[in-house]
PDB file of all heavy atoms in Angstrom:
ATOM      1  N   PHE A   1     -36.843-137.597  88.366  1.00  0.00           N
ATOM      2  CA  PHE A   1     -35.794-136.846  89.214  1.00  0.00           C
ATOM      3  C   PHE A   1     -35.025-135.733  88.387  1.00  0.00           C
ATOM      4  O   PHE A   1     -34.139-135.159  88.895  1.00  0.00           O
ATOM      5  CB  PHE A   1     -34.628-137.826  89.613  1.00  0.00           C
ATOM      6  CG  PHE A   1     -35.179-138.986  90.397  1.00  0.00           C
ATOM      7  CD1 PHE A   1     -34.963-140.437  89.954  1.00  0.00           C
ATOM      8  CD2 PHE A   1     -35.828-138.833  91.604  1.00  0.00           C
ATOM      9  CE1 PHE A   1     -35.499-141.449  90.669  1.00  0.00           C
ATOM     10  CE2 PHE A   1     -36.388-139.860  92.342  1.00  0.00           C
ATOM     11  CZ  PHE A   1     -36.111-141.154  91.987  1.00  0.00           C
ATOM     12  N   ASN A   2     -35.585-135.472  87.172  1.00  0.00           N
ATOM     13  CA  ASN A   2     -34.908-134.454  86.353  1.00  0.00           C
ATOM     14  C   ASN A   2     -36.054-133.423  85.906  1.00  0.00           C
ATOM     15  O   ASN A   2     -37.098-133.616  85.694  1.00  0.00           O
ATOM     16  CB  ASN A   2     -34.330-135.175  85.017  1.00  0.00           C
ATOM     17  CG  ASN A   2     -33.152-136.012  85.503  1.00  0.00           C
ATOM     18  OD1 ASN A   2     -32.077-135.533  85.707  1.00  0.00           O
ATOM     19  ND2 ASN A   2     -33.328-137.254  85.619  1.00  0.00           N
ATOM     20  N   ASN A   3     -35.381-132.230  85.656  1.00  0.00           N
ATOM     21  CA  ASN A   3     -36.141-131.313  84.818  1.00  0.00           C
ATOM     22  C   ASN A   3     -36.253-131.873  83.313  1.00  0.00           C
ATOM     23  O   ASN A   3     -35.233-132.369  82.782  1.00  0.00           O
ATOM     24  CB  ASN A   3     -35.410-129.954  84.760  1.00  0.00           C
ATOM     25  CG  ASN A   3     -35.120-129.326  86.128  1.00  0.00           C
ATOM     26  OD1 ASN A   3     -35.933-129.410  86.963  1.00  0.00           O
ATOM     27  ND2 ASN A   3     -33.956-128.913  86.324  1.00  0.00           N
ATOM     28  N   MET A   4     -37.349-131.784  82.739  1.00  0.00           N
ATOM     29  CA  MET A   4     -37.548-132.459  81.436  1.00  0.00           C
ATOM     30  C   MET A   4     -37.947-131.395  80.384  1.00  0.00           C
ATOM     31  O   MET A   4     -38.601-130.409  80.814  1.00  0.00           O
ATOM     32  CB  MET A   4     -38.560-133.522  81.512  1.00  0.00           C
ATOM     33  CG  MET A   4     -38.131-134.715  82.309  1.00  0.00           C
ATOM     34  SD  MET A   4     -36.622-135.531  81.788  1.00  0.00           S
ATOM     35  CE  MET A   4     -37.324-136.216  80.120  1.00  0.00           C
ATOM     36  N   ALA A   5     -37.720-131.583  79.191  1.00  0.00           N
ATOM     37  CA  ALA A   5     -38.028-130.685  78.144  1.00  0.00           C
ATOM     38  C   ALA A   5     -38.377-131.454  76.803  1.00  0.00           C
ATOM     39  O   ALA A   5     -37.839-132.648  76.642  1.00  0.00           O
ATOM     40  CB  ALA A   5     -36.922-129.759  77.802  1.00  0.00           C
ATOM     41  N   TRP A   6     -39.101-130.776  76.053  1.00  0.00           N
ATOM     42  CA  TRP A   6     -39.303-131.195  74.557  1.00  0.00           C
ATOM     43  C   TRP A   6     -38.481-130.354  73.688  1.00  0.00           C
ATOM     44  O   TRP A   6     -38.324-129.126  73.906  1.00  0.00           O
ATOM     45  CB  TRP A   6     -40.775-131.124  74.165  1.00  0.00           C
ATOM     46  CG  TRP A   6     -41.547-132.307  74.711  1.00  0.00           C
ATOM     47  CD1 TRP A   6     -42.319-132.382  75.897  1.00  0.00           C
ATOM     48  CD2 TRP A   6     -41.730-133.598  74.097  1.00  0.00           C
ATOM     49  NE1 TRP A   6     -42.965-133.520  75.900  1.00  0.00           N
ATOM     50  CE2 TRP A   6     -42.538-134.235  74.869  1.00  0.00           C
ATOM     51  CE3 TRP A   6     -41.271-134.108  72.884  1.00  0.00           C
ATOM     52  CZ2 TRP A   6     -42.989-135.637  74.497  1.00  0.00           C
ATOM     53  CZ3 TRP A   6     -41.606-135.316  72.553  1.00  0.00           C
ATOM     54  CH2 TRP A   6     -42.476-136.077  73.258  1.00  0.00           C
ATOM     55  N   TYR A   7     -37.799-130.909  72.727  1.00  0.00           N
ATOM     56  CA  TYR A   7     -36.846-130.260  71.923  1.00  0.00           C
ATOM     57  C   TYR A   7     -37.467-130.569  70.490  1.00  0.00           C
ATOM     58  O   TYR A   7     -38.096-131.498  70.172  1.00  0.00           O
ATOM     59  CB  TYR A   7     -35.484-130.815  71.945  1.00  0.00           C
ATOM     60  CG  TYR A   7     -34.820-130.753  73.275  1.00  0.00           C
ATOM     61  CD1 TYR A   7     -35.071-131.616  74.265  1.00  0.00           C
ATOM     62  CD2 TYR A   7     -33.779-129.834  73.534  1.00  0.00           C
ATOM     63  CE1 TYR A   7     -34.547-131.480  75.591  1.00  0.00           C
ATOM     64  CE2 TYR A   7     -33.229-129.811  74.716  1.00  0.00           C
ATOM     65  CZ  TYR A   7     -33.532-130.524  75.702  1.00  0.00           C
ATOM     66  OH  TYR A   7     -32.959-130.442  76.917  1.00  0.00           O
ATOM     67  N   ARG A   8     -37.070-129.725  69.505  1.00  0.00           N
ATOM     68  CA  ARG A   8     -37.342-129.996  68.068  1.00  0.00           C
ATOM     69  C   ARG A   8     -36.099-129.569  67.299  1.00  0.00           C
ATOM     70  O   ARG A   8     -35.383-128.712  67.641  1.00  0.00           O
ATOM     71  CB  ARG A   8     -38.598-129.277  67.610  1.00  0.00           C
ATOM     72  CG  ARG A   8     -38.593-127.821  67.487  1.00  0.00           C
ATOM     73  CD  ARG A   8     -39.990-127.340  67.196  1.00  0.00           C
ATOM     74  NE  ARG A   8     -40.012-125.797  66.946  1.00  0.00           N
ATOM     75  CZ  ARG A   8     -41.125-125.144  66.888  1.00  0.00           C
ATOM     76  NH1 ARG A   8     -42.267-125.713  66.827  1.00  0.00           N
ATOM     77  NH2 ARG A   8     -40.967-123.772  66.627  1.00  0.00           N
ATOM     78  N   GLN A   9     -36.056-130.284  66.089  1.00  0.00           N
ATOM     79  CA  GLN A   9     -34.983-130.009  65.245  1.00  0.00           C
ATOM     80  C   GLN A   9     -35.441-130.284  63.774  1.00  0.00           C
ATOM     81  O   GLN A   9     -36.112-131.221  63.463  1.00  0.00           O
ATOM     82  CB  GLN A   9     -33.804-131.068  65.470  1.00  0.00           C
ATOM     83  CG  GLN A   9     -32.541-130.825  64.726  1.00  0.00           C
ATOM     84  CD  GLN A   9     -31.446-131.844  65.129  1.00  0.00           C
ATOM     85  OE1 GLN A   9     -31.672-132.886  65.670  1.00  0.00           O
ATOM     86  NE2 GLN A   9     -30.169-131.312  65.008  1.00  0.00           N
ATOM     87  N   THR A  10     -34.993-129.344  62.922  1.00  0.00           N
ATOM     88  CA  THR A  10     -35.146-129.424  61.485  1.00  0.00           C
ATOM     89  C   THR A  10     -33.883-129.656  60.840  1.00  0.00           C
ATOM     90  O   THR A  10     -32.721-129.380  61.369  1.00  0.00           O
ATOM     91  CB  THR A  10     -35.798-128.190  60.921  1.00  0.00           C
ATOM     92  OG1 THR A  10     -35.041-127.042  61.340  1.00  0.00           O
ATOM     93  CG2 THR A  10     -37.248-128.007  61.554  1.00  0.00           C
ATOM     94  N   PRO A  11     -33.897-130.231  59.576  1.00  0.00           N
ATOM     95  CA  PRO A  11     -32.562-130.501  58.994  1.00  0.00           C
ATOM     96  C   PRO A  11     -31.641-129.459  58.846  1.00  0.00           C
ATOM     97  O   PRO A  11     -32.070-128.274  58.527  1.00  0.00           O
ATOM     98  CB  PRO A  11     -32.973-131.007  57.515  1.00  0.00           C
ATOM     99  CG  PRO A  11     -34.322-131.532  57.839  1.00  0.00           C
ATOM    100  CD  PRO A  11     -34.971-130.733  58.860  1.00  0.00           C
ATOM    101  N   GLY A  12     -30.337-129.686  59.250  1.00  0.00           N
ATOM    102  CA  GLY A  12     -29.386-128.508  59.143  1.00  0.00           C
ATOM    103  C   GLY A  12     -29.347-127.569  60.241  1.00  0.00           C
ATOM    104  O   GLY A  12     -28.527-126.625  60.232  1.00  0.00           O
ATOM    105  N   LYS A  13     -30.301-127.697  61.163  1.00  0.00           N
ATOM    106  CA  LYS A  13     -30.345-126.711  62.319  1.00  0.00           C
ATOM    107  C   LYS A  13     -30.063-127.447  63.696  1.00  0.00           C
ATOM    108  O   LYS A  13     -30.189-128.622  63.687  1.00  0.00           O
ATOM    109  CB  LYS A  13     -31.642-126.091  62.345  1.00  0.00           C
ATOM    110  CG  LYS A  13     -31.838-125.098  61.099  1.00  0.00           C
ATOM    111  CD  LYS A  13     -33.071-124.337  61.128  1.00  0.00           C
ATOM    112  CE  LYS A  13     -33.216-123.350  59.977  1.00  0.00           C
ATOM    113  NZ  LYS A  13     -34.505-122.472  60.058  1.00  0.00           N
ATOM    114  N   GLN A  14     -29.832-126.740  64.653  1.00  0.00           N
ATOM    115  CA  GLN A  14     -29.608-127.234  65.905  1.00  0.00           C
ATOM    116  C   GLN A  14     -30.820-127.702  66.550  1.00  0.00           C
ATOM    117  O   GLN A  14     -32.006-127.249  66.234  1.00  0.00           O
ATOM    118  CB  GLN A  14     -28.878-126.229  66.847  1.00  0.00           C
ATOM    119  CG  GLN A  14     -29.546-124.987  67.239  1.00  0.00           C
ATOM    120  CD  GLN A  14     -28.892-124.093  68.098  1.00  0.00           C
ATOM    121  OE1 GLN A  14     -27.610-124.091  68.269  1.00  0.00           O
ATOM    122  NE2 GLN A  14     -29.560-123.311  68.919  1.00  0.00           N
ATOM    123  N   ARG A  15     -30.818-128.497  67.657  1.00  0.00           N
ATOM    124  CA  ARG A  15     -31.897-128.915  68.361  1.00  0.00           C
ATOM    125  C   ARG A  15     -32.304-127.839  69.421  1.00  0.00           C
ATOM    126  O   ARG A  15     -31.357-127.428  70.143  1.00  0.00           O
ATOM    127  CB  ARG A  15     -31.721-130.307  69.030  1.00  0.00           C
ATOM    128  CG  ARG A  15     -32.871-130.866  69.734  1.00  0.00           C
ATOM    129  CD  ARG A  15     -32.379-132.158  70.380  1.00  0.00           C
ATOM    130  NE  ARG A  15     -32.301-133.248  69.504  1.00  0.00           N
ATOM    131  CZ  ARG A  15     -31.296-134.011  69.102  1.00  0.00           C
ATOM    132  NH1 ARG A  15     -30.146-133.706  69.691  1.00  0.00           N
ATOM    133  NH2 ARG A  15     -31.366-135.044  68.389  1.00  0.00           N
ATOM    134  N   ASP A  16     -33.430-127.358  69.392  1.00  0.00           N
ATOM    135  CA  ASP A  16     -33.912-126.273  70.367  1.00  0.00           C
ATOM    136  C   ASP A  16     -34.980-126.724  71.273  1.00  0.00           C
ATOM    137  O   ASP A  16     -35.801-127.579  70.962  1.00  0.00           O
ATOM    138  CB  ASP A  16     -34.475-125.060  69.566  1.00  0.00           C
ATOM    139  CG  ASP A  16     -33.465-124.355  68.701  1.00  0.00           C
ATOM    140  OD1 ASP A  16     -32.233-124.226  69.222  1.00  0.00           O
ATOM    141  OD2 ASP A  16     -33.809-123.906  67.585  1.00  0.00           O
ATOM    142  N   VAL A  17     -34.918-126.215  72.547  1.00  0.00           N
ATOM    143  CA  VAL A  17     -35.892-126.428  73.504  1.00  0.00           C
ATOM    144  C   VAL A  17     -37.272-125.620  73.080  1.00  0.00           C
ATOM    145  O   VAL A  17     -37.220-124.443  72.762  1.00  0.00           O
ATOM    146  CB  VAL A  17     -35.546-125.926  74.954  1.00  0.00           C
ATOM    147  CG1 VAL A  17     -36.692-126.196  75.893  1.00  0.00           C
ATOM    148  CG2 VAL A  17     -34.287-126.935  75.352  1.00  0.00           C
ATOM    149  N   VAL A  18     -38.310-126.343  73.074  1.00  0.00           N
ATOM    150  CA  VAL A  18     -39.698-125.633  72.814  1.00  0.00           C
ATOM    151  C   VAL A  18     -40.430-125.531  74.173  1.00  0.00           C
ATOM    152  O   VAL A  18     -41.306-124.812  74.298  1.00  0.00           O
ATOM    153  CB  VAL A  18     -40.454-126.347  71.764  1.00  0.00           C
ATOM    154  CG1 VAL A  18     -39.819-126.176  70.449  1.00  0.00           C
ATOM    155  CG2 VAL A  18     -40.797-127.785  72.086  1.00  0.00           C
ATOM    156  N   ALA A  19     -40.312-126.542  75.025  1.00  0.00           N
ATOM    157  CA  ALA A  19     -41.170-126.532  76.265  1.00  0.00           C
ATOM    158  C   ALA A  19     -40.237-127.207  77.344  1.00  0.00           C
ATOM    159  O   ALA A  19     -39.593-128.195  77.134  1.00  0.00           O
ATOM    160  CB  ALA A  19     -42.407-127.350  76.103  1.00  0.00           C
ATOM    161  N   ASP A  20     -40.340-126.712  78.607  1.00  0.00           N
ATOM    162  CA  ASP A  20     -39.533-127.126  79.638  1.00  0.00           C
ATOM    163  C   ASP A  20     -40.370-127.218  80.909  1.00  0.00           C
ATOM    164  O   ASP A  20     -41.194-126.404  81.281  1.00  0.00           O
ATOM    165  CB  ASP A  20     -38.312-126.070  79.900  1.00  0.00           C
ATOM    166  CG  ASP A  20     -37.500-126.392  81.245  1.00  0.00           C
ATOM    167  OD1 ASP A  20     -37.959-125.884  82.279  1.00  0.00           O
ATOM    168  OD2 ASP A  20     -36.656-127.159  81.148  1.00  0.00           O
ATOM    169  N   MET A  21     -40.041-128.233  81.688  1.00  0.00           N
ATOM    170  CA  MET A  21     -40.955-128.442  82.948  1.00  0.00           C
ATOM    171  C   MET A  21     -39.836-128.719  84.053  1.00  0.00           C
ATOM    172  O   MET A  21     -38.966-129.692  83.925  1.00  0.00           O
ATOM    173  CB  MET A  21     -41.825-129.580  82.825  1.00  0.00           C
ATOM    174  CG  MET A  21     -42.554-129.931  84.131  1.00  0.00           C
ATOM    175  SD  MET A  21     -43.837-131.304  84.001  1.00  0.00           S
ATOM    176  CE  MET A  21     -45.080-130.216  83.414  1.00  0.00           C
ATOM    177  N   ARG A  22     -39.913-127.871  85.106  1.00  0.00           N
ATOM    178  CA  ARG A  22     -38.961-128.002  86.221  1.00  0.00           C
ATOM    179  C   ARG A  22     -39.474-129.219  87.031  1.00  0.00           C
ATOM    180  O   ARG A  22     -40.601-129.655  86.972  1.00  0.00           O
ATOM    181  CB  ARG A  22     -38.918-126.847  87.020  1.00  0.00           C
ATOM    182  CG  ARG A  22     -38.403-125.538  86.360  1.00  0.00           C
ATOM    183  CD  ARG A  22     -37.022-125.514  86.090  1.00  0.00           C
ATOM    184  NE  ARG A  22     -36.577-126.045  84.817  1.00  0.00           N
ATOM    185  CZ  ARG A  22     -35.340-126.336  84.515  1.00  0.00           C
ATOM    186  NH1 ARG A  22     -34.305-125.974  85.330  1.00  0.00           N
ATOM    187  NH2 ARG A  22     -35.000-126.799  83.240  1.00  0.00           N
ATOM    188  N   LEU A  23     -38.470-129.751  87.819  1.00  0.00           N
ATOM    189  CA  LEU A  23     -38.783-130.881  88.719  1.00  0.00           C
ATOM    190  C   LEU A  23     -39.870-130.412  89.653  1.00  0.00           C
ATOM    191  O   LEU A  23     -39.843-129.387  90.196  1.00  0.00           O
ATOM    192  CB  LEU A  23     -37.413-131.112  89.563  1.00  0.00           C
ATOM    193  CG  LEU A  23     -37.348-132.444  90.261  1.00  0.00           C
ATOM    194  CD1 LEU A  23     -37.555-133.611  89.525  1.00  0.00           C
ATOM    195  CD2 LEU A  23     -36.204-132.442  91.196  1.00  0.00           C
ATOM    196  N   GLY A  24     -40.828-131.379  89.806  1.00  0.00           N
ATOM    197  CA  GLY A  24     -41.953-130.980  90.635  1.00  0.00           C
ATOM    198  C   GLY A  24     -43.155-130.564  89.757  1.00  0.00           C
ATOM    199  O   GLY A  24     -44.373-130.739  90.245  1.00  0.00           O
ATOM    200  N   GLY A  25     -42.947-130.096  88.564  1.00  0.00           N
ATOM    201  CA  GLY A  25     -43.993-129.751  87.588  1.00  0.00           C
ATOM    202  C   GLY A  25     -44.677-128.504  87.693  1.00  0.00           C
ATOM    203  O   GLY A  25     -45.548-128.238  86.876  1.00  0.00           O
ATOM    204  N   ALA A  26     -44.263-127.723  88.779  1.00  0.00           N
ATOM    205  CA  ALA A  26     -45.000-126.601  89.036  1.00  0.00           C
ATOM    206  C   ALA A  26     -44.653-125.393  87.997  1.00  0.00           C
ATOM    207  O   ALA A  26     -45.492-124.477  87.860  1.00  0.00           O
ATOM    208  CB  ALA A  26     -44.834-126.058  90.467  1.00  0.00           C
ATOM    209  N   THR A  27     -43.482-125.461  87.456  1.00  0.00           N
ATOM    210  CA  THR A  27     -42.955-124.431  86.626  1.00  0.00           C
ATOM    211  C   THR A  27     -42.710-124.913  85.183  1.00  0.00           C
ATOM    212  O   THR A  27     -41.908-125.829  85.058  1.00  0.00           O
ATOM    213  CB  THR A  27     -41.727-123.767  87.266  1.00  0.00           C
ATOM    214  OG1 THR A  27     -41.899-123.342  88.598  1.00  0.00           O
ATOM    215  CG2 THR A  27     -41.161-122.623  86.399  1.00  0.00           C
ATOM    216  N   THR A  28     -43.304-124.190  84.265  1.00  0.00           N
ATOM    217  CA  THR A  28     -43.075-124.499  82.843  1.00  0.00           C
ATOM    218  C   THR A  28     -42.709-123.254  82.074  1.00  0.00           C
ATOM    219  O   THR A  28     -43.182-122.222  82.368  1.00  0.00           O
ATOM    220  CB  THR A  28     -44.343-125.104  82.237  1.00  0.00           C
ATOM    221  OG1 THR A  28     -45.411-124.219  82.334  1.00  0.00           O
ATOM    222  CG2 THR A  28     -44.817-126.565  82.999  1.00  0.00           C
ATOM    223  N   THR A  29     -41.888-123.453  81.050  1.00  0.00           N
ATOM    224  CA  THR A  29     -41.573-122.372  80.141  1.00  0.00           C
ATOM    225  C   THR A  29     -41.621-122.878  78.754  1.00  0.00           C
ATOM    226  O   THR A  29     -41.458-124.017  78.493  1.00  0.00           O
ATOM    227  CB  THR A  29     -40.086-121.866  80.512  1.00  0.00           C
ATOM    228  OG1 THR A  29     -39.123-122.864  80.450  1.00  0.00           O
ATOM    229  CG2 THR A  29     -39.937-121.227  81.847  1.00  0.00           C
ATOM    230  N   TYR A  30     -41.780-121.901  77.895  1.00  0.00           N
ATOM    231  CA  TYR A  30     -42.018-122.220  76.548  1.00  0.00           C
ATOM    232  C   TYR A  30     -41.235-121.241  75.570  1.00  0.00           C
ATOM    233  O   TYR A  30     -41.114-120.042  75.907  1.00  0.00           O
ATOM    234  CB  TYR A  30     -43.487-122.113  76.177  1.00  0.00           C
ATOM    235  CG  TYR A  30     -44.310-123.091  76.922  1.00  0.00           C
ATOM    236  CD1 TYR A  30     -45.012-122.719  78.043  1.00  0.00           C
ATOM    237  CD2 TYR A  30     -44.492-124.390  76.426  1.00  0.00           C
ATOM    238  CE1 TYR A  30     -45.714-123.680  78.895  1.00  0.00           C
ATOM    239  CE2 TYR A  30     -45.239-125.282  77.186  1.00  0.00           C
ATOM    240  CZ  TYR A  30     -45.813-124.893  78.353  1.00  0.00           C
ATOM    241  OH  TYR A  30     -46.638-125.858  79.013  1.00  0.00           O
ATOM    242  N   ALA A  31     -40.876-121.686  74.467  1.00  0.00           N
ATOM    243  CA  ALA A  31     -40.246-120.900  73.380  1.00  0.00           C
ATOM    244  C   ALA A  31     -41.324-119.842  72.923  1.00  0.00           C
ATOM    245  O   ALA A  31     -42.588-120.265  72.919  1.00  0.00           O
ATOM    246  CB  ALA A  31     -39.829-121.699  72.275  1.00  0.00           C
TER     247      ALA A  31
END
């Protein structure tokens, strides 16, 4: 029921989105 994403984080840095998939799966975006 949600847009989902993969995030990554290295020590001392913020967590960033690297890949996103909109609800339904038809639309994806990448860093």
